[in-house]
PDB file of all heavy atoms in Angstrom:
ATOM      1  N   PRO A   1      74.079 118.427 131.703  1.00  0.00           N
ATOM      2  CA  PRO A   1      75.321 118.720 130.981  1.00  0.00           C
ATOM      3  C   PRO A   1      76.087 117.459 130.591  1.00  0.00           C
ATOM      4  O   PRO A   1      75.944 116.438 131.281  1.00  0.00           O
ATOM      5  CB  PRO A   1      76.138 119.593 131.938  1.00  0.00           C
ATOM      6  CG  PRO A   1      75.086 120.159 132.903  1.00  0.00           C
ATOM      7  CD  PRO A   1      74.024 119.095 132.979  1.00  0.00           C
ATOM      8  N   LEU A   2      76.818 117.518 129.564  1.00  0.00           N
ATOM      9  CA  LEU A   2      77.706 116.420 129.081  1.00  0.00           C
ATOM     10  C   LEU A   2      79.165 116.818 129.509  1.00  0.00           C
ATOM     11  O   LEU A   2      79.890 117.314 128.691  1.00  0.00           O
ATOM     12  CB  LEU A   2      77.602 116.177 127.628  1.00  0.00           C
ATOM     13  CG  LEU A   2      78.391 114.995 127.013  1.00  0.00           C
ATOM     14  CD1 LEU A   2      77.952 113.688 127.658  1.00  0.00           C
ATOM     15  CD2 LEU A   2      78.117 114.909 125.533  1.00  0.00           C
ATOM     16  N   GLY A   3      79.502 116.624 130.737  1.00  0.00           N
ATOM     17  CA  GLY A   3      80.797 117.063 131.251  1.00  0.00           C
ATOM     18  C   GLY A   3      80.935 118.591 131.116  1.00  0.00           C
ATOM     19  O   GLY A   3      80.006 119.364 131.443  1.00  0.00           O
ATOM     20  N   ALA A   4      82.115 119.037 130.536  1.00  0.00           N
ATOM     21  CA  ALA A   4      82.404 120.475 130.443  1.00  0.00           C
ATOM     22  C   ALA A   4      81.616 121.133 129.349  1.00  0.00           C
ATOM     23  O   ALA A   4      81.513 122.376 129.305  1.00  0.00           O
ATOM     24  CB  ALA A   4      83.886 120.641 130.229  1.00  0.00           C
ATOM     25  N   ASP A   5      81.042 120.374 128.399  1.00  0.00           N
ATOM     26  CA  ASP A   5      80.358 120.905 127.261  1.00  0.00           C
ATOM     27  C   ASP A   5      78.859 121.086 127.691  1.00  0.00           C
ATOM     28  O   ASP A   5      78.114 120.077 127.725  1.00  0.00           O
ATOM     29  CB  ASP A   5      80.436 120.020 126.024  1.00  0.00           C
ATOM     30  CG  ASP A   5      79.982 120.709 124.777  1.00  0.00           C
ATOM     31  OD1 ASP A   5      79.481 121.869 124.920  1.00  0.00           O
ATOM     32  OD2 ASP A   5      80.162 120.189 123.692  1.00  0.00           O
ATOM     33  N   LEU A   6      78.419 122.341 128.028  1.00  0.00           N
ATOM     34  CA  LEU A   6      77.085 122.599 128.494  1.00  0.00           C
ATOM     35  C   LEU A   6      76.075 122.563 127.425  1.00  0.00           C
ATOM     36  O   LEU A   6      74.869 122.504 127.662  1.00  0.00           O
ATOM     37  CB  LEU A   6      77.098 123.940 129.273  1.00  0.00           C
ATOM     38  CG  LEU A   6      78.057 124.005 130.394  1.00  0.00           C
ATOM     39  CD1 LEU A   6      77.933 125.388 131.068  1.00  0.00           C
ATOM     40  CD2 LEU A   6      77.803 122.948 131.487  1.00  0.00           C
ATOM     41  N   ASN A   7      76.468 122.623 126.167  1.00  0.00           N
ATOM     42  CA  ASN A   7      75.549 122.654 125.042  1.00  0.00           C
ATOM     43  C   ASN A   7      76.070 121.799 123.918  1.00  0.00           C
ATOM     44  O   ASN A   7      76.437 122.203 122.847  1.00  0.00           O
ATOM     45  CB  ASN A   7      75.339 124.076 124.573  1.00  0.00           C
ATOM     46  CG  ASN A   7      74.276 124.170 123.499  1.00  0.00           C
ATOM     47  OD1 ASN A   7      73.333 123.334 123.462  1.00  0.00           O
ATOM     48  ND2 ASN A   7      74.371 125.132 122.593  1.00  0.00           N
ATOM     49  N   PRO A   8      76.164 120.427 124.151  1.00  0.00           N
ATOM     50  CA  PRO A   8      76.751 119.562 123.149  1.00  0.00           C
ATOM     51  C   PRO A   8      75.891 119.438 121.944  1.00  0.00           C
ATOM     52  O   PRO A   8      74.648 119.575 121.988  1.00  0.00           O
ATOM     53  CB  PRO A   8      76.866 118.205 123.908  1.00  0.00           C
ATOM     54  CG  PRO A   8      75.773 118.305 124.890  1.00  0.00           C
ATOM     55  CD  PRO A   8      75.651 119.724 125.335  1.00  0.00           C
ATOM     56  N   ASP A   9      76.519 119.072 120.802  1.00  0.00           N
ATOM     57  CA  ASP A   9      75.756 118.821 119.565  1.00  0.00           C
ATOM     58  C   ASP A   9      74.981 117.510 119.768  1.00  0.00           C
ATOM     59  O   ASP A   9      75.373 116.670 120.520  1.00  0.00           O
ATOM     60  CB  ASP A   9      76.706 118.660 118.397  1.00  0.00           C
ATOM     61  CG  ASP A   9      77.239 120.050 117.980  1.00  0.00           C
ATOM     62  OD1 ASP A   9      76.577 120.753 117.291  1.00  0.00           O
ATOM     63  OD2 ASP A   9      78.418 120.337 118.361  1.00  0.00           O
ATOM     64  N   ASN A  10      73.907 117.366 119.028  1.00  0.00           N
ATOM     65  CA  ASN A  10      73.127 116.190 119.091  1.00  0.00           C
ATOM     66  C   ASN A  10      73.751 115.127 118.223  1.00  0.00           C
ATOM     67  O   ASN A  10      73.353 114.788 117.102  1.00  0.00           O
ATOM     68  CB  ASN A  10      71.664 116.473 118.592  1.00  0.00           C
ATOM     69  CG  ASN A  10      70.813 115.258 118.706  1.00  0.00           C
ATOM     70  OD1 ASN A  10      71.141 114.277 119.388  1.00  0.00           O
ATOM     71  ND2 ASN A  10      69.716 115.283 118.022  1.00  0.00           N
ATOM     72  N   ARG A  11      74.845 114.562 118.720  1.00  0.00           N
ATOM     73  CA  ARG A  11      75.602 113.549 117.962  1.00  0.00           C
ATOM     74  C   ARG A  11      75.690 112.237 118.786  1.00  0.00           C
ATOM     75  O   ARG A  11      76.209 112.287 119.915  1.00  0.00           O
ATOM     76  CB  ARG A  11      77.024 114.026 117.668  1.00  0.00           C
ATOM     77  CG  ARG A  11      77.759 113.080 116.742  1.00  0.00           C
ATOM     78  CD  ARG A  11      79.247 113.416 116.757  1.00  0.00           C
ATOM     79  NE  ARG A  11      79.796 113.111 118.089  1.00  0.00           N
ATOM     80  CZ  ARG A  11      80.922 112.413 118.304  1.00  0.00           C
ATOM     81  NH1 ARG A  11      81.517 111.853 117.294  1.00  0.00           N
ATOM     82  NH2 ARG A  11      81.332 112.199 119.527  1.00  0.00           N
ATOM     83  N   THR A  12      75.076 111.245 118.303  1.00  0.00           N
ATOM     84  CA  THR A  12      75.018 110.013 119.095  1.00  0.00           C
ATOM     85  C   THR A  12      75.614 108.813 118.368  1.00  0.00           C
ATOM     86  O   THR A  12      75.553 107.718 118.870  1.00  0.00           O
ATOM     87  CB  THR A  12      73.531 109.652 119.458  1.00  0.00           C
ATOM     88  OG1 THR A  12      72.806 109.552 118.164  1.00  0.00           O
ATOM     89  CG2 THR A  12      72.906 110.747 120.247  1.00  0.00           C
ATOM     90  N   THR A  13      76.282 109.036 117.256  1.00  0.00           N
ATOM     91  CA  THR A  13      76.901 107.935 116.477  1.00  0.00           C
ATOM     92  C   THR A  13      78.389 108.211 116.267  1.00  0.00           C
ATOM     93  O   THR A  13      78.751 109.315 115.870  1.00  0.00           O
ATOM     94  CB  THR A  13      76.199 107.745 115.139  1.00  0.00           C
ATOM     95  OG1 THR A  13      74.827 107.518 115.303  1.00  0.00           O
ATOM     96  CG2 THR A  13      76.848 106.547 114.422  1.00  0.00           C
ATOM     97  N   LEU A  14      79.204 107.263 116.603  1.00  0.00           N
ATOM     98  CA  LEU A  14      80.630 107.397 116.466  1.00  0.00           C
ATOM     99  C   LEU A  14      81.227 106.320 115.594  1.00  0.00           C
ATOM    100  O   LEU A  14      80.909 105.160 115.703  1.00  0.00           O
ATOM    101  CB  LEU A  14      81.306 107.222 117.909  1.00  0.00           C
ATOM    102  CG  LEU A  14      82.764 107.536 118.063  1.00  0.00           C
ATOM    103  CD1 LEU A  14      82.988 109.029 118.012  1.00  0.00           C
ATOM    104  CD2 LEU A  14      83.355 106.976 119.347  1.00  0.00           C
ATOM    105  N   TYR A  15      81.959 106.781 114.589  1.00  0.00           N
ATOM    106  CA  TYR A  15      82.630 105.808 113.635  1.00  0.00           C
ATOM    107  C   TYR A  15      84.109 105.779 113.905  1.00  0.00           C
ATOM    108  O   TYR A  15      84.739 106.845 114.048  1.00  0.00           O
ATOM    109  CB  TYR A  15      82.386 106.310 112.163  1.00  0.00           C
ATOM    110  CG  TYR A  15      80.923 106.504 111.804  1.00  0.00           C
ATOM    111  CD1 TYR A  15      80.318 107.697 111.926  1.00  0.00           C
ATOM    112  CD2 TYR A  15      80.139 105.390 111.338  1.00  0.00           C
ATOM    113  CE1 TYR A  15      78.970 107.881 111.607  1.00  0.00           C
ATOM    114  CE2 TYR A  15      78.860 105.567 111.012  1.00  0.00           C
ATOM    115  CZ  TYR A  15      78.256 106.836 111.129  1.00  0.00           C
ATOM    116  OH  TYR A  15      76.930 106.998 110.781  1.00  0.00           O
ATOM    117  N   THR A  16      84.656 104.609 113.886  1.00  0.00           N
ATOM    118  CA  THR A  16      86.096 104.424 114.113  1.00  0.00           C
ATOM    119  C   THR A  16      86.633 103.437 113.074  1.00  0.00           C
ATOM    120  O   THR A  16      86.096 102.407 112.846  1.00  0.00           O
ATOM    121  CB  THR A  16      86.349 103.837 115.523  1.00  0.00           C
ATOM    122  OG1 THR A  16      85.744 104.693 116.498  1.00  0.00           O
ATOM    123  CG2 THR A  16      87.812 103.804 115.812  1.00  0.00           C
ATOM    124  N   PHE A  17      87.788 103.822 112.466  1.00  0.00           N
ATOM    125  CA  PHE A  17      88.496 102.938 111.524  1.00  0.00           C
ATOM    126  C   PHE A  17      89.955 102.877 111.970  1.00  0.00           C
ATOM    127  O   PHE A  17      90.593 103.891 112.160  1.00  0.00           O
ATOM    128  CB  PHE A  17      88.414 103.520 110.134  1.00  0.00           C
ATOM    129  CG  PHE A  17      87.002 103.830 109.656  1.00  0.00           C
ATOM    130  CD1 PHE A  17      86.480 105.089 109.781  1.00  0.00           C
ATOM    131  CD2 PHE A  17      86.235 102.786 109.120  1.00  0.00           C
ATOM    132  CE1 PHE A  17      85.156 105.370 109.414  1.00  0.00           C
ATOM    133  CE2 PHE A  17      84.894 103.061 108.683  1.00  0.00           C
ATOM    134  CZ  PHE A  17      84.356 104.308 108.856  1.00  0.00           C
ATOM    135  N   GLY A  18      90.481 101.630 112.124  1.00  0.00           N
ATOM    136  CA  GLY A  18      91.796 101.498 112.588  1.00  0.00           C
ATOM    137  C   GLY A  18      92.566 100.444 111.825  1.00  0.00           C
ATOM    138  O   GLY A  18      92.028  99.476 111.321  1.00  0.00           O
ATOM    139  N   VAL A  19      93.906 100.616 111.808  1.00  0.00           N
ATOM    140  CA  VAL A  19      94.822  99.643 111.255  1.00  0.00           C
ATOM    141  C   VAL A  19      96.044  99.569 112.142  1.00  0.00           C
ATOM    142  O   VAL A  19      96.600 100.615 112.590  1.00  0.00           O
ATOM    143  CB  VAL A  19      95.196  99.971 109.771  1.00  0.00           C
ATOM    144  CG1 VAL A  19      95.829 101.364 109.691  1.00  0.00           C
ATOM    145  CG2 VAL A  19      96.133  98.906 109.236  1.00  0.00           C
ATOM    146  N   ALA A  20      96.568  98.345 112.398  1.00  0.00           N
ATOM    147  CA  ALA A  20      97.738  98.230 113.301  1.00  0.00           C
ATOM    148  C   ALA A  20      98.651  97.061 112.758  1.00  0.00           C
ATOM    149  O   ALA A  20      98.307  95.915 112.817  1.00  0.00           O
ATOM    150  CB  ALA A  20      97.227  97.841 114.654  1.00  0.00           C
ATOM    151  N   PRO A  21      99.732  97.482 112.163  1.00  0.00           N
ATOM    152  CA  PRO A  21     100.833  96.471 111.824  1.00  0.00           C
ATOM    153  C   PRO A  21     101.666  96.163 113.078  1.00  0.00           C
ATOM    154  O   PRO A  21     102.064  97.063 113.832  1.00  0.00           O
ATOM    155  CB  PRO A  21     101.639  97.157 110.766  1.00  0.00           C
ATOM    156  CG  PRO A  21     101.425  98.638 111.040  1.00  0.00           C
ATOM    157  CD  PRO A  21     100.101  98.792 111.638  1.00  0.00           C
ATOM    158  N   VAL A  22     101.887  94.854 113.319  1.00  0.00           N
ATOM    159  CA  VAL A  22     102.647  94.441 114.509  1.00  0.00           C
ATOM    160  C   VAL A  22     103.776  93.537 114.085  1.00  0.00           C
ATOM    161  O   VAL A  22     103.615  92.590 113.310  1.00  0.00           O
ATOM    162  CB  VAL A  22     101.724  93.652 115.474  1.00  0.00           C
ATOM    163  CG1 VAL A  22     102.465  93.141 116.673  1.00  0.00           C
ATOM    164  CG2 VAL A  22     100.566  94.527 115.908  1.00  0.00           C
ATOM    165  N   TRP A  23     104.983  93.863 114.551  1.00  0.00           N
ATOM    166  CA  TRP A  23     106.224  93.104 114.269  1.00  0.00           C
ATOM    167  C   TRP A  23     106.494  92.124 115.388  1.00  0.00           C
ATOM    168  O   TRP A  23     106.598  92.514 116.586  1.00  0.00           O
ATOM    169  CB  TRP A  23     107.398  94.063 114.096  1.00  0.00           C
ATOM    170  CG  TRP A  23     108.697  93.371 113.821  1.00  0.00           C
ATOM    171  CD1 TRP A  23     108.943  92.204 113.185  1.00  0.00           C
ATOM    172  CD2 TRP A  23     109.964  93.817 114.300  1.00  0.00           C
ATOM    173  NE1 TRP A  23     110.280  91.932 113.155  1.00  0.00           N
ATOM    174  CE2 TRP A  23     110.952  92.956 113.867  1.00  0.00           C
ATOM    175  CE3 TRP A  23     110.407  94.989 114.980  1.00  0.00           C
ATOM    176  CZ2 TRP A  23     112.327  93.028 114.105  1.00  0.00           C
ATOM    177  CZ3 TRP A  23     111.764  95.134 115.280  1.00  0.00           C
ATOM    178  CH2 TRP A  23     112.705  94.181 114.821  1.00  0.00           C
ATOM    179  N   LYS A  24     106.537  90.875 115.061  1.00  0.00           N
ATOM    180  CA  LYS A  24     106.834  89.795 116.055  1.00  0.00           C
ATOM    181  C   LYS A  24     108.389  89.619 116.048  1.00  0.00           C
ATOM    182  O   LYS A  24     108.919  88.884 115.312  1.00  0.00           O
ATOM    183  CB  LYS A  24     106.129  88.534 115.679  1.00  0.00           C
ATOM    184  CG  LYS A  24     104.629  88.625 115.759  1.00  0.00           C
ATOM    185  CD  LYS A  24     103.891  87.384 115.443  1.00  0.00           C
ATOM    186  CE  LYS A  24     103.771  87.072 113.967  1.00  0.00           C
ATOM    187  NZ  LYS A  24     102.815  85.991 113.650  1.00  0.00           N
ATOM    188  N   VAL A  25     109.007  90.360 116.991  1.00  0.00           N
ATOM    189  CA  VAL A  25     110.459  90.389 117.106  1.00  0.00           C
ATOM    190  C   VAL A  25     110.976  88.981 117.450  1.00  0.00           C
ATOM    191  O   VAL A  25     111.967  88.500 116.799  1.00  0.00           O
ATOM    192  CB  VAL A  25     110.883  91.363 118.158  1.00  0.00           C
ATOM    193  CG1 VAL A  25     112.451  91.426 118.234  1.00  0.00           C
ATOM    194  CG2 VAL A  25     110.377  92.765 117.852  1.00  0.00           C
ATOM    195  N   ASN A  26     110.335  88.351 118.415  1.00  0.00           N
ATOM    196  CA  ASN A  26     110.651  86.949 118.783  1.00  0.00           C
ATOM    197  C   ASN A  26     109.463  86.348 119.407  1.00  0.00           C
ATOM    198  O   ASN A  26     108.356  86.963 119.396  1.00  0.00           O
ATOM    199  CB  ASN A  26     111.941  86.888 119.639  1.00  0.00           C
ATOM    200  CG  ASN A  26     111.841  87.781 120.885  1.00  0.00           C
ATOM    201  OD1 ASN A  26     110.796  87.843 121.515  1.00  0.00           O
ATOM    202  ND2 ASN A  26     112.869  88.499 121.138  1.00  0.00           N
ATOM    203  N   LEU A  27     109.611  85.218 120.047  1.00  0.00           N
ATOM    204  CA  LEU A  27     108.440  84.513 120.674  1.00  0.00           C
ATOM    205  C   LEU A  27     107.879  85.303 121.833  1.00  0.00           C
ATOM    206  O   LEU A  27     106.723  85.081 122.193  1.00  0.00           O
ATOM    207  CB  LEU A  27     108.834  83.112 121.073  1.00  0.00           C
ATOM    208  CG  LEU A  27     109.211  82.104 119.982  1.00  0.00           C
ATOM    209  CD1 LEU A  27     109.640  80.795 120.540  1.00  0.00           C
ATOM    210  CD2 LEU A  27     108.031  81.971 119.013  1.00  0.00           C
ATOM    211  N   GLN A  28     108.680  86.223 122.412  1.00  0.00           N
ATOM    212  CA  GLN A  28     108.215  86.942 123.594  1.00  0.00           C
ATOM    213  C   GLN A  28     107.830  88.378 123.323  1.00  0.00           C
ATOM    214  O   GLN A  28     106.949  88.896 124.018  1.00  0.00           O
ATOM    215  CB  GLN A  28     109.337  86.872 124.699  1.00  0.00           C
ATOM    216  CG  GLN A  28     109.582  85.497 125.222  1.00  0.00           C
ATOM    217  CD  GLN A  28     110.675  85.575 126.283  1.00  0.00           C
ATOM    218  OE1 GLN A  28     111.841  85.808 125.902  1.00  0.00           O
ATOM    219  NE2 GLN A  28     110.356  85.285 127.539  1.00  0.00           N
ATOM    220  N   LEU A  29     108.468  88.987 122.383  1.00  0.00           N
ATOM    221  CA  LEU A  29     108.355  90.462 122.167  1.00  0.00           C
ATOM    222  C   LEU A  29     107.626  90.776 120.851  1.00  0.00           C
ATOM    223  O   LEU A  29     107.951  90.270 119.822  1.00  0.00           O
ATOM    224  CB  LEU A  29     109.685  91.123 122.194  1.00  0.00           C
ATOM    225  CG  LEU A  29     109.708  92.661 121.949  1.00  0.00           C
ATOM    226  CD1 LEU A  29     108.992  93.361 123.069  1.00  0.00           C
ATOM    227  CD2 LEU A  29     111.132  93.115 121.884  1.00  0.00           C
ATOM    228  N   LYS A  30     106.588  91.731 120.953  1.00  0.00           N
ATOM    229  CA  LYS A  30     105.931  92.225 119.822  1.00  0.00           C
ATOM    230  C   LYS A  30     105.913  93.769 119.934  1.00  0.00           C
ATOM    231  O   LYS A  30     105.679  94.302 120.996  1.00  0.00           O
ATOM    232  CB  LYS A  30     104.476  91.708 119.721  1.00  0.00           C
ATOM    233  CG  LYS A  30     104.373  90.223 119.518  1.00  0.00           C
ATOM    234  CD  LYS A  30     102.897  89.752 119.455  1.00  0.00           C
ATOM    235  CE  LYS A  30     102.796  88.264 119.308  1.00  0.00           C
ATOM    236  NZ  LYS A  30     101.348  87.822 119.211  1.00  0.00           N
ATOM    237  N   ILE A  31     106.163  94.411 118.830  1.00  0.00           N
ATOM    238  CA  ILE A  31     106.178  95.909 118.730  1.00  0.00           C
ATOM    239  C   ILE A  31     105.253  96.329 117.620  1.00  0.00           C
ATOM    240  O   ILE A  31     105.315  95.723 116.542  1.00  0.00           O
ATOM    241  CB  ILE A  31     107.627  96.399 118.488  1.00  0.00           C
ATOM    242  CG1 ILE A  31     108.579  96.008 119.612  1.00  0.00           C
ATOM    243  CG2 ILE A  31     107.573  97.960 118.316  1.00  0.00           C
ATOM    244  CD1 ILE A  31     110.023  96.388 119.367  1.00  0.00           C
ATOM    245  N   GLY A  32     104.453  97.309 117.882  1.00  0.00           N
ATOM    246  CA  GLY A  32     103.484  97.716 116.861  1.00  0.00           C
ATOM    247  C   GLY A  32     103.217  99.198 116.799  1.00  0.00           C
ATOM    248  O   GLY A  32     103.572  99.983 117.660  1.00  0.00           O
TER     249      GLY A  32
END
């Protein structure tokens, strides 16, 4: 078994796309 999924799909490839804007408030603090 694959954890709680006793009959998982045959899926072995994972695609991830991400974007992150980050604001540099000052020399110490960043918020994103």
